[in-house]
Each structure stands twice: as C-alpha cells, then as structure tokens.
C-alpha atoms as a PDB file:
ATOM      1  CA  MET A   1     107.020 104.384  86.809  1.00  0.00           C
ATOM      2  CA  THR A   2     107.090 101.893  84.023  1.00  0.00           C
ATOM      3  CA  PRO A   3     104.469  99.144  83.805  1.00  0.00           C
ATOM      4  CA  GLN A   4     107.165  96.627  84.773  1.00  0.00           C
ATOM      5  CA  GLN A   5     108.028  98.636  87.888  1.00  0.00           C
ATOM      6  CA  ARG A   6     104.353  98.908  88.830  1.00  0.00           C
ATOM      7  CA  ALA A   7     104.074  95.130  88.471  1.00  0.00           C
ATOM      8  CA  GLN A   8     107.014  94.635  90.877  1.00  0.00           C
ATOM      9  CA  LEU A   9     105.649  96.974  93.541  1.00  0.00           C
ATOM     10  CA  PRO A  10     103.125  94.593  95.193  1.00  0.00           C
ATOM     11  CA  ALA A  11     105.878  92.016  95.816  1.00  0.00           C
ATOM     12  CA  LEU A  12     108.080  94.685  97.399  1.00  0.00           C
ATOM     13  CA  LEU A  13     105.261  95.914  99.621  1.00  0.00           C
ATOM     14  CA  ALA A  14     104.398  92.344 100.616  1.00  0.00           C
ATOM     15  CA  ARG A  15     107.788  92.157 102.356  1.00  0.00           C
ATOM     16  CA  GLY A  16     106.417  94.604 104.902  1.00  0.00           C
ATOM     17  CA  ALA A  17     107.330  98.112 105.932  1.00  0.00           C
ATOM     18  CA  GLU A  18     109.825  96.895 108.546  1.00  0.00           C
ATOM     19  CA  ALA A  19     111.885  95.258 105.793  1.00  0.00           C
ATOM     20  CA  PHE A  20     112.578  98.773 104.534  1.00  0.00           C
ATOM     21  CA  GLY A  21     113.509 100.238 107.905  1.00  0.00           C
ATOM     22  CA  SER A  22     110.139 101.474 109.136  1.00  0.00           C
ATOM     23  CA  ARG A  23     108.949 100.883 112.681  1.00  0.00           C
ATOM     24  CA  GLY A  24     105.687  98.980 112.479  1.00  0.00           C
ATOM     25  CA  GLU A  25     103.992  97.362 109.505  1.00  0.00           C
ATOM     26  CA  LEU A  26     101.626 100.201 108.625  1.00  0.00           C
ATOM     27  CA  TRP A  27     102.129 101.456 105.061  1.00  0.00           C
ATOM     28  CA  THR A  28     101.750 105.190 104.602  1.00  0.00           C
ATOM     29  CA  THR A  29     102.050 107.232 101.425  1.00  0.00           C
ATOM     30  CA  LYS A  30     105.382 108.573 102.638  1.00  0.00           C
ATOM     31  CA  ARG A  31     106.727 105.071 103.269  1.00  0.00           C
ATOM     32  CA  VAL A  32     105.555 103.742  99.909  1.00  0.00           C
ATOM     33  CA  ALA A  33     107.141 106.763  98.216  1.00  0.00           C
ATOM     34  CA  ALA A  34     110.443 105.989  99.982  1.00  0.00           C
ATOM     35  CA  VAL A  35     110.335 102.363  98.783  1.00  0.00           C
ATOM     36  CA  ILE A  36     109.625 103.485  95.211  1.00  0.00           C
ATOM     37  CA  ALA A  37     112.492 105.986  95.361  1.00  0.00           C
ATOM     38  CA  HIS A  38     114.895 103.393  96.758  1.00  0.00           C
ATOM     39  CA  ALA A  39     113.884 100.500  94.499  1.00  0.00           C
ATOM     40  CA  PHE A  40     113.325 102.319  91.222  1.00  0.00           C
ATOM     41  CA  GLY A  41     114.983 105.715  91.590  1.00  0.00           C
ATOM     42  CA  VAL A  42     111.633 107.432  91.011  1.00  0.00           C
ATOM     43  CA  ARG A  43     110.709 110.396  93.186  1.00  0.00           C
ATOM     44  CA  LEU A  44     107.023 111.099  93.690  1.00  0.00           C
ATOM     45  CA  GLU A  45     105.903 114.714  93.667  1.00  0.00           C
ATOM     46  CA  GLN A  46     102.719 116.022  95.234  1.00  0.00           C
ATOM     47  CA  LEU A  47     101.044 118.347  92.752  1.00  0.00           C
ATOM     48  CA  PRO A  48      98.611 121.045  93.807  1.00  0.00           C
ATOM     49  CA  GLY A  49      94.927 120.406  93.177  1.00  0.00           C
ATOM     50  CA  TYR A  50      94.790 122.973  90.406  1.00  0.00           C
ATOM     51  CA  ALA A  51      98.008 123.405  88.455  1.00  0.00           C
ATOM     52  CA  PRO A  52      97.401 124.583  84.881  1.00  0.00           C
ATOM     53  CA  ASP A  53     101.143 125.159  84.391  1.00  0.00           C
ATOM     54  CA  LEU A  54     101.867 121.526  85.244  1.00  0.00           C
ATOM     55  CA  ASN A  55      98.742 119.956  83.774  1.00  0.00           C
ATOM     56  CA  PRO A  56      97.482 121.481  80.510  1.00  0.00           C
ATOM     57  CA  ASP A  57      94.188 119.586  80.872  1.00  0.00           C
ATOM     58  CA  GLU A  58      93.250 122.019  83.649  1.00  0.00           C
ATOM     59  CA  GLY A  59      93.011 124.828  81.111  1.00  0.00           C
ATOM     60  CA  ILE A  60      90.794 122.749  78.872  1.00  0.00           C
ATOM     61  CA  TRP A  61      88.422 121.907  81.734  1.00  0.00           C
ATOM     62  CA  ASN A  62      88.328 125.540  82.781  1.00  0.00           C
ATOM     63  CA  TYR A  63      87.438 126.577  79.221  1.00  0.00           C
ATOM     64  CA  LEU A  64      84.728 123.921  78.986  1.00  0.00           C
ATOM     65  CA  ASN A  65      83.231 124.886  82.324  1.00  0.00           C
ATOM     66  CA  VAL A  66      83.195 128.631  81.729  1.00  0.00           C
ATOM     67  CA  ARG A  67      82.560 128.863  77.991  1.00  0.00           C
ATOM     68  CA  ALA A  68      80.734 125.710  76.986  1.00  0.00           C
ATOM     69  CA  LEU A  69      79.032 123.948  79.880  1.00  0.00           C
ATOM     70  CA  LEU A  70      77.811 126.713  82.189  1.00  0.00           C
ATOM     71  CA  PRO A  71      76.024 128.773  79.512  1.00  0.00           C
ATOM     72  CA  ARG A  72      74.102 125.677  78.416  1.00  0.00           C
ATOM     73  CA  MET A  73      72.944 124.697  81.874  1.00  0.00           C
ATOM     74  CA  ALA A  74      69.282 125.401  82.447  1.00  0.00           C
ATOM     75  CA  PHE A  75      68.218 126.457  85.885  1.00  0.00           C
ATOM     76  CA  HIS A  76      64.597 125.637  86.608  1.00  0.00           C
ATOM     77  CA  ARG A  77      62.517 126.884  89.464  1.00  0.00           C
ATOM     78  CA  SER A  78      60.180 124.490  91.094  1.00  0.00           C
ATOM     79  CA  SER A  79      56.476 125.145  90.512  1.00  0.00           C
ATOM     80  CA  ASN A  80      55.993 125.836  94.247  1.00  0.00           C
ATOM     81  CA  GLU A  81      58.042 129.062  94.197  1.00  0.00           C
END
C-alpha cells in the first residue's frame, strides 16, 4: 500500500465493518484485508514465519546467528556448580 492509501484506511475503518457487508462491527484481519482489496485493489498475502526465498533478510540473519553471533557467545557456569 502507498502512504496515501495507508492514510485513508482509518477513515474507511471508522465507517464500521457493517458498512462493508460484515455482520457485526468486530474488525478481524480477514475483514480488514477484504476492505483493503476492495478499496485499493491490494491483496494481502500471509507469508510463512521463515521464508528465505521471499525475504532475503532471513538468509542474512541465519548467517549472523550461525557464523558470527553464536561462536562469540560466552557460556558461563555459575560458581555453585
């Protein structure tokens, strides 16, 4: 969504869920996604929690965790052991 579309969204949601054909005024993620699709032609996609093919940053974090951060972590035993 563009910044202009994001700015328009609160006014759309303020009209209430029933204004968009929902029964009851409770907003759910699915209902908000339907309003966004109808008003702006933008379809929201649920991405998996770990998707290196879709999010290149995942590979960078994996590299940092395995190669850079974990080897530098110091594990200390308490003096009581």
